[in-house]
Amino acid sequence: MTRVTPTAAPAGLLSAPPDGRTAPLAEFPPGSVVLVTGTAADAPAAVVRRLEDLGFTAGSQVEVVRRAPLRDPTIYRVRDYDVCLRRAQAAYLLARELDG
């Protein structure tokens, strides 16, 4: 999996970043369909391995299904199944939104 240093995202970002910009998966709102582009450079190796085992590999298409009322955890659909991730885990995955 490609490891990428994330671009600085403002803390508390509530909406998806502009089209084409890579951002942590945790920043995309429900309904977004994104492409995983890599993991954050500071992601622990064990977490990266677990996320890859769950199907979050570079090039994977992920849909943000729904988010708990306090924004954590979030359910993601990857490879035709749903996975629930904490915001801290999803922040290690970098993604960009797919067009329509």
Protein backbone atom coordinates (compact mmCIF):
# COMPACT_ATOMS: atom_id res chain seq x y z
CA MET A 1 0.00 0.00 0.00
CA THR A 2 1.21 3.46 -0.82
CA ARG A 3 2.10 5.56 2.22
CA VAL A 4 1.50 9.23 1.71
CA THR A 5 2.08 12.23 3.90
CA PRO A 6 -1.34 13.83 4.22
CA THR A 7 -1.95 17.39 3.24
CA ALA A 8 -2.90 19.56 6.16
CA ALA A 9 -6.62 19.32 6.74
CA PRO A 10 -8.24 21.83 9.03
CA ALA A 11 -9.20 20.35 12.39
CA GLY A 12 -12.92 19.77 12.74
CA LEU A 13 -13.60 19.72 9.02
CA LEU A 14 -17.29 18.84 8.68
CA SER A 15 -17.72 18.46 4.94
CA ALA A 16 -15.85 16.64 2.21
CA PRO A 17 -12.76 18.31 0.83
CA PRO A 18 -12.94 19.88 -2.65
CA ASP A 19 -12.98 17.43 -5.54
CA GLY A 20 -9.73 15.76 -6.27
CA ARG A 21 -8.08 16.55 -2.95
CA THR A 22 -6.77 13.73 -0.85
CA ALA A 23 -7.95 13.79 2.75
CA PRO A 24 -8.31 11.37 5.64
CA LEU A 25 -11.25 9.00 5.15
CA ALA A 26 -12.67 10.18 8.48
CA GLU A 27 -13.35 13.63 6.96
CA PHE A 28 -15.83 12.50 4.29
CA PRO A 29 -19.54 12.80 5.13
CA PRO A 30 -22.09 9.96 4.79
CA GLY A 31 -23.06 9.39 1.16
CA SER A 32 -19.56 10.02 -0.15
CA VAL A 33 -17.97 7.47 -2.44
CA VAL A 34 -14.19 7.62 -2.28
CA LEU A 35 -11.11 5.88 -3.59
CA VAL A 36 -8.48 4.86 -1.03
CA THR A 37 -5.14 6.34 -2.12
CA GLY A 38 -2.89 5.19 0.72
CA THR A 39 -2.21 5.51 4.40
CA ALA A 40 -0.82 8.32 6.49
CA ALA A 41 2.95 8.27 6.96
CA ASP A 42 2.55 8.19 10.74
CA ALA A 43 0.13 5.23 10.77
CA PRO A 44 1.29 2.38 13.03
CA ALA A 45 2.24 -0.71 11.00
CA ALA A 46 -0.17 -2.93 12.94
CA VAL A 47 -3.10 -0.61 12.19
CA VAL A 48 -2.16 -0.42 8.50
CA ARG A 49 -2.01 -4.21 8.33
CA ARG A 50 -5.43 -4.57 10.01
CA LEU A 51 -7.01 -2.00 7.68
CA GLU A 52 -5.54 -3.82 4.67
CA ASP A 53 -6.88 -7.12 6.02
CA LEU A 54 -10.32 -5.50 6.18
CA GLY A 55 -10.08 -4.54 2.49
CA PHE A 56 -8.98 -0.90 2.76
CA THR A 57 -6.17 -1.19 0.20
CA ALA A 58 -4.99 1.44 -2.27
CA GLY A 59 -7.46 1.57 -5.14
CA SER A 60 -10.39 0.25 -3.09
CA GLN A 61 -13.71 2.02 -3.53
CA VAL A 62 -15.35 2.88 -0.21
CA GLU A 63 -18.80 4.31 0.53
CA VAL A 64 -19.39 6.24 3.74
CA VAL A 65 -22.70 4.69 4.84
CA ARG A 66 -23.60 6.37 8.12
CA ARG A 67 -22.11 7.96 11.17
CA ALA A 68 -23.09 7.74 14.83
CA PRO A 69 -24.72 10.87 16.31
CA LEU A 70 -21.48 12.02 17.94
CA ARG A 71 -19.54 11.36 14.68
CA ASP A 72 -17.88 8.20 15.96
CA PRO A 73 -17.88 5.39 14.90
CA THR A 74 -18.73 5.37 11.18
CA ILE A 75 -19.88 2.52 8.95
CA TYR A 76 -18.08 2.13 5.63
CA ARG A 77 -19.01 -0.19 2.76
CA VAL A 78 -15.93 -1.74 1.16
CA ARG A 79 -15.90 -4.74 -1.19
CA ASP A 80 -19.65 -5.39 -0.68
CA TYR A 81 -19.61 -5.57 3.09
CA ASP A 82 -19.96 -3.06 5.90
CA VAL A 83 -17.16 -2.26 8.32
CA CYS A 84 -17.41 -0.05 11.38
CA LEU A 85 -14.31 2.04 12.09
CA ARG A 86 -13.47 4.51 14.80
CA ARG A 87 -12.58 7.98 13.62
CA ALA A 88 -8.97 7.49 14.79
CA GLN A 89 -8.59 4.42 12.57
CA ALA A 90 -10.26 6.02 9.54
CA ALA A 91 -7.98 9.04 9.90
CA TYR A 92 -5.01 6.86 8.92
CA LEU A 93 -6.59 6.11 5.51
CA LEU A 94 -6.20 8.71 2.78
CA ALA A 95 -8.83 8.96 0.09
CA ARG A 96 -10.20 11.19 -2.62
CA GLU A 97 -13.84 11.54 -3.63
CA LEU A 98 -14.96 9.89 -6.85
CA ASP A 99 -16.96 11.88 -9.34
CA GLY A 100 -20.69 11.14 -9.54
